[in-house]
Every structure is written in C-alpha cells, then in structure tokens.
Amino acid sequence: MGQKLTRTAQLFLVFDLTRTKLPAERLEPLLAKTAVASLLLVTDASRPTPVEILQPLVTTGQQYGCAVLIANDASLAKKLSADGVHLSPGDQPLVDRYTEARETIGNNAIVGIDANGSRHDAMALAEAGADYIAFGLDRFESDEWNARDRQHEQIAWWAEIFEPPVVALDVIDNEMSRDLAAVGTDFIARTLPAGLSTAELQEWLIATHKALNAATQCD
C-alpha cells in the first residue's frame, strides 16, 4: 500500500499576455468551473499592457478566489490592487530583488520568487521572508530529462524540510504535473495555452486538475 501525501498540489495558472490576449470575459467561465489557487499575469516589460486590460483580469481572478500576482513589477501590482508579485531572476542578487519588492508592495502582499535553481538562495530568500519559493527547469541544461530530474530533486528536498510553500515552474505536461505533485509540490504552474476556444480551454483545465488529483491517490 502506498503512503498518502500530506500535501495536495494546487494549480498556479500562468496567463502570459505576451502570447494571448484572452480578455476577462473569456477568463471568467474558466475560473467559474475550475478551481485555480493562483493566477500569475505576465506582461511584456518593453511594451506594457494597458491598465484597462489588466485591471479586469485582476478583478475577475479575485472574484473567483484566486491570489492574483503580477510578474516582476511590484509597483504595478500595488497599483492594480493585486494580491502580490512573482519575481524572476534578473541582474540583481535575488535577496535584493525580494527586499525591493517587499518595500514597494508592503508586508500584507504576497512576494514569491524563483530561486533560479539555487538551494542556497532559496534558503536565504525564505529567511528574508519570501512567501513562496519556486524552482523551474535549469535553462543551461541541454538535456531536458536531466533538467527535470534536477528540478524534481530540488522540490522534493524543499517540500520535505522547509515550511514556505514551493512552486514548480516550467511544467509542460500532465505527466510532469503528476510527478512533481507526488513529491509534495504545493503549487504546479501551468501556462494557459494560446489559440484555444473557451470550450477547449475548459477541457485543458479539467485534464490538468485530473493530473494533480491523481498524484494524491495511494500508489
């Protein structure tokens, strides 16, 4: 008999506005039918998405119980009254990026950060007060399966030892979702596909949830 998991992975839905212009009225029926814990809005830093497009997305997500996060822009997240900001690695040290975002958005908002595959940085960020730590695929690893194995090991290590939630980034299919959920991942990040109808997106979300739920069953 397999061992029952103590954590159940939840969906961290990434809405990449550089790939799709899905408006709030098309997002709403998806959130109405399928539980989404967090909604991350990704915009193009070189061509900012107008506030009048972003604000309805934030409002819609919050109406359906999502923690709505803005990628890499704490000032914009504060302006939109989003729930927080998700930080990706950049030129600055990660702890400095975290500290600046926290000072901008305040102590009551969520500040989560991609640790860029570094266990040392992940621990330092947790100590600094990050609300979650994220691990993605190693972008310098040419072998996809080696990159997956390394991410799997990092998340399993974090989930077993540390209290702050862990997010799995760069999850590309349902098999990967199941594998990462099975080692204690708190949130599985999946990017909403572009170019699909509302019905097709609903089917995609249902299949994604089934993969997460399957990982909570006994082996």
Protein backbone atom coordinates (compact mmCIF):
# COMPACT_ATOMS: atom_id res chain seq x y z
CA MET A 1 0.00 0.00 0.00
CA GLY A 2 1.37 3.42 -0.91
CA GLN A 3 1.82 6.27 1.51
CA LYS A 4 -0.76 9.05 1.44
CA LEU A 5 0.58 12.52 0.74
CA THR A 6 0.37 15.26 3.34
CA ARG A 7 0.24 17.99 0.68
CA THR A 8 -2.14 18.40 -2.23
CA ALA A 9 -0.80 20.38 -5.16
CA GLN A 10 -2.90 23.30 -6.35
CA LEU A 11 -2.99 24.98 -9.73
CA PHE A 12 -0.83 28.08 -10.24
CA LEU A 13 -2.19 29.31 -13.57
CA VAL A 14 0.16 31.44 -15.67
CA PHE A 15 -1.59 33.83 -18.03
CA ASP A 16 1.09 35.05 -20.45
CA LEU A 17 -0.24 38.22 -22.07
CA THR A 18 2.69 38.24 -24.50
CA ARG A 19 1.20 35.09 -26.08
CA THR A 20 -2.55 35.57 -25.80
CA LYS A 21 -4.94 38.50 -25.44
CA LEU A 22 -7.67 36.48 -23.72
CA PRO A 23 -10.00 39.11 -22.20
CA ALA A 24 -11.55 38.94 -18.76
CA GLU A 25 -14.92 37.86 -20.15
CA ARG A 26 -13.28 34.70 -21.57
CA LEU A 27 -11.26 34.09 -18.43
CA GLU A 28 -14.33 34.21 -16.19
CA PRO A 29 -16.04 30.98 -17.40
CA LEU A 30 -12.77 29.09 -16.91
CA LEU A 31 -12.40 30.20 -13.30
CA ALA A 32 -16.10 29.63 -12.66
CA LYS A 33 -15.80 25.92 -13.50
CA THR A 34 -12.31 25.01 -12.27
CA ALA A 35 -10.51 25.85 -9.03
CA VAL A 36 -7.40 27.96 -9.57
CA ALA A 37 -5.42 28.87 -6.45
CA SER A 38 -3.15 31.47 -8.02
CA LEU A 39 -3.25 33.45 -11.24
CA LEU A 40 0.02 34.95 -12.49
CA LEU A 41 -0.25 37.71 -15.10
CA VAL A 42 2.87 38.01 -17.27
CA THR A 43 3.33 41.13 -19.38
CA ASP A 44 5.92 42.38 -21.85
CA ALA A 45 8.23 44.77 -19.99
CA SER A 46 9.16 46.53 -23.25
CA ARG A 47 5.52 47.09 -24.23
CA PRO A 48 3.47 47.33 -21.02
CA THR A 49 -0.07 46.02 -21.14
CA PRO A 50 -2.54 48.85 -20.53
CA VAL A 51 -4.05 49.02 -17.06
CA GLU A 52 -7.55 48.95 -18.58
CA ILE A 53 -6.80 45.42 -19.85
CA LEU A 54 -5.06 44.19 -16.70
CA GLN A 55 -7.49 45.55 -14.12
CA PRO A 56 -10.49 43.43 -15.22
CA LEU A 57 -8.28 40.34 -15.19
CA VAL A 58 -7.17 41.08 -11.63
CA THR A 59 -10.74 41.76 -10.52
CA THR A 60 -12.09 38.63 -12.20
CA GLY A 61 -9.43 36.42 -10.68
CA GLN A 62 -10.05 37.78 -7.20
CA GLN A 63 -13.81 37.32 -7.58
CA TYR A 64 -13.19 33.60 -8.03
CA GLY A 65 -10.83 33.24 -5.09
CA CYS A 66 -7.52 33.41 -6.94
CA ALA A 67 -4.45 35.03 -5.46
CA VAL A 68 -3.66 37.27 -8.43
CA LEU A 69 0.04 38.02 -8.91
CA ILE A 70 1.83 40.33 -11.32
CA ALA A 71 5.16 39.19 -12.77
CA ASN A 72 8.23 41.27 -11.88
CA ASP A 73 6.52 44.60 -11.21
CA ALA A 74 5.68 45.32 -7.59
CA SER A 75 4.63 48.90 -8.38
CA LEU A 76 2.12 47.70 -10.97
CA ALA A 77 0.82 45.02 -8.62
CA LYS A 78 0.22 47.67 -5.97
CA LYS A 79 -1.48 49.99 -8.47
CA LEU A 80 -3.83 47.20 -9.59
CA SER A 81 -4.55 46.09 -6.00
CA ALA A 82 -3.31 42.64 -7.00
CA ASP A 83 -2.53 40.14 -4.26
CA GLY A 84 1.19 40.25 -4.86
CA VAL A 85 4.15 39.91 -7.18
CA HIS A 86 6.12 36.99 -8.59
CA LEU A 87 9.82 37.69 -9.17
CA SER A 88 12.02 36.03 -11.77
CA PRO A 89 15.83 36.06 -11.65
CA GLY A 90 17.44 39.19 -13.05
CA ASP A 91 20.65 41.16 -12.86
CA GLN A 92 20.34 41.89 -9.15
CA PRO A 93 21.00 39.37 -6.37
CA LEU A 94 17.75 37.59 -5.60
CA VAL A 95 17.57 38.72 -1.97
CA ASP A 96 17.96 42.35 -3.12
CA ARG A 97 15.14 41.88 -5.64
CA TYR A 98 12.96 40.44 -2.92
CA THR A 99 13.76 43.26 -0.48
CA GLU A 100 12.97 45.99 -3.03
CA ALA A 101 9.68 44.36 -3.99
CA ARG A 102 8.67 43.94 -0.35
CA GLU A 103 9.41 47.59 0.40
CA THR A 104 7.30 48.62 -2.59
CA ILE A 105 4.28 46.41 -2.10
CA GLY A 106 4.16 46.14 1.68
CA ASN A 107 4.06 43.38 4.24
CA ASN A 108 0.48 42.28 3.60
CA ALA A 109 1.03 41.33 -0.05
CA ILE A 110 2.48 38.12 -1.46
CA VAL A 111 6.07 38.23 -2.67
CA GLY A 112 7.21 34.96 -4.21
CA ILE A 113 10.40 34.35 -6.11
CA ASP A 114 12.09 31.93 -8.47
CA ALA A 115 15.27 30.76 -6.71
CA ASN A 116 16.96 30.13 -10.08
CA GLY A 117 17.83 26.57 -9.10
CA SER A 118 19.98 27.63 -6.14
CA ARG A 119 19.39 25.88 -2.83
CA HIS A 120 21.50 28.47 -1.06
CA ASP A 121 19.45 31.36 -2.49
CA ALA A 122 16.20 29.54 -1.74
CA MET A 123 17.12 29.27 1.94
CA ALA A 124 18.27 32.90 2.06
CA LEU A 125 15.01 34.06 0.47
CA ALA A 126 12.93 32.06 2.90
CA GLU A 127 14.90 33.58 5.76
CA ALA A 128 14.27 37.06 4.32
CA GLY A 129 10.53 36.39 4.36
CA ALA A 130 9.54 35.27 0.85
CA ASP A 131 6.01 33.89 0.82
CA TYR A 132 6.92 31.05 -1.53
CA ILE A 133 9.95 29.67 -3.31
CA ALA A 134 9.82 28.50 -6.92
CA PHE A 135 12.05 26.10 -8.82
CA GLY A 136 11.97 25.83 -12.60
CA LEU A 137 13.93 23.89 -15.19
CA ASP A 138 17.64 24.66 -15.47
CA ARG A 139 17.91 26.87 -18.56
CA PHE A 140 21.58 25.97 -19.01
CA GLU A 141 20.94 22.22 -19.06
CA SER A 142 20.74 20.98 -22.65
CA ASP A 143 19.22 17.63 -21.70
CA GLU A 144 15.53 18.11 -20.82
CA TRP A 145 15.35 14.94 -18.71
CA ASN A 146 18.40 15.93 -16.66
CA ALA A 147 16.77 19.31 -16.08
CA ARG A 148 13.54 17.63 -15.00
CA ASP A 149 15.40 15.30 -12.62
CA ARG A 150 17.24 18.22 -11.01
CA GLN A 151 14.02 20.19 -10.53
CA HIS A 152 12.35 17.10 -9.08
CA GLU A 153 15.17 16.64 -6.56
CA GLN A 154 15.15 20.32 -5.54
CA ILE A 155 11.42 20.40 -4.96
CA ALA A 156 11.40 17.10 -3.05
CA TRP A 157 14.21 18.43 -0.83
CA TRP A 158 12.37 21.69 -0.16
CA ALA A 159 8.96 20.09 0.45
CA GLU A 160 10.41 17.66 2.98
CA ILE A 161 12.35 20.18 5.07
CA PHE A 162 11.03 23.73 4.75
CA GLU A 163 7.80 25.48 5.71
CA PRO A 164 7.28 28.11 2.94
CA PRO A 165 5.29 26.70 0.01
CA VAL A 166 7.13 25.57 -3.11
CA VAL A 167 6.01 26.28 -6.68
CA ALA A 168 7.06 24.13 -9.65
CA LEU A 169 7.64 26.32 -12.71
CA ASP A 170 8.07 25.33 -16.38
CA VAL A 171 5.66 22.40 -16.08
CA ILE A 172 4.89 21.42 -19.64
CA ASP A 173 2.55 18.44 -19.48
CA ASN A 174 0.29 16.41 -17.20
CA GLU A 175 2.85 13.67 -16.65
CA MET A 176 5.27 16.24 -15.30
CA SER A 177 2.47 17.68 -13.14
CA ARG A 178 1.77 14.28 -11.59
CA ASP A 179 5.45 13.59 -10.92
CA LEU A 180 6.03 16.93 -9.21
CA ALA A 181 2.79 16.80 -7.24
CA ALA A 182 3.77 13.37 -5.96
CA VAL A 183 6.88 14.70 -4.19
CA GLY A 184 5.00 17.36 -2.24
CA THR A 185 4.88 20.38 -4.53
CA ASP A 186 2.39 22.91 -3.17
CA PHE A 187 1.64 24.66 -6.47
CA ILE A 188 2.05 23.47 -10.05
CA ALA A 189 2.50 26.30 -12.57
CA ARG A 190 0.87 25.67 -15.93
CA THR A 191 0.70 28.26 -18.69
CA LEU A 192 -2.74 28.78 -20.20
CA PRO A 193 -2.45 27.71 -23.87
CA ALA A 194 -2.91 30.30 -26.58
CA GLY A 195 -5.24 30.00 -29.53
CA LEU A 196 -7.87 27.70 -27.99
CA SER A 197 -11.60 28.22 -27.72
CA THR A 198 -13.26 28.62 -24.33
CA ALA A 199 -14.51 25.02 -24.50
CA GLU A 200 -11.03 23.74 -25.36
CA LEU A 201 -9.51 25.73 -22.51
CA GLN A 202 -12.08 24.26 -20.12
CA GLU A 203 -11.12 20.76 -21.26
CA TRP A 204 -7.43 21.59 -20.78
CA LEU A 205 -8.07 22.82 -17.24
CA ILE A 206 -10.09 19.72 -16.36
CA ALA A 207 -7.31 17.44 -17.62
CA THR A 208 -4.75 19.48 -15.68
CA HIS A 209 -6.75 19.08 -12.47
CA LYS A 210 -7.15 15.37 -13.02
CA ALA A 211 -3.37 15.03 -13.22
CA LEU A 212 -2.96 16.85 -9.89
CA ASN A 213 -5.66 14.81 -8.22
CA ALA A 214 -4.19 11.55 -9.48
CA ALA A 215 -0.98 12.28 -7.60
CA THR A 216 -2.84 12.38 -4.27
CA GLN A 217 -4.05 8.81 -4.56
CA CYS A 218 -2.32 5.90 -2.92
CA ASP A 219 0.18 4.04 -5.10
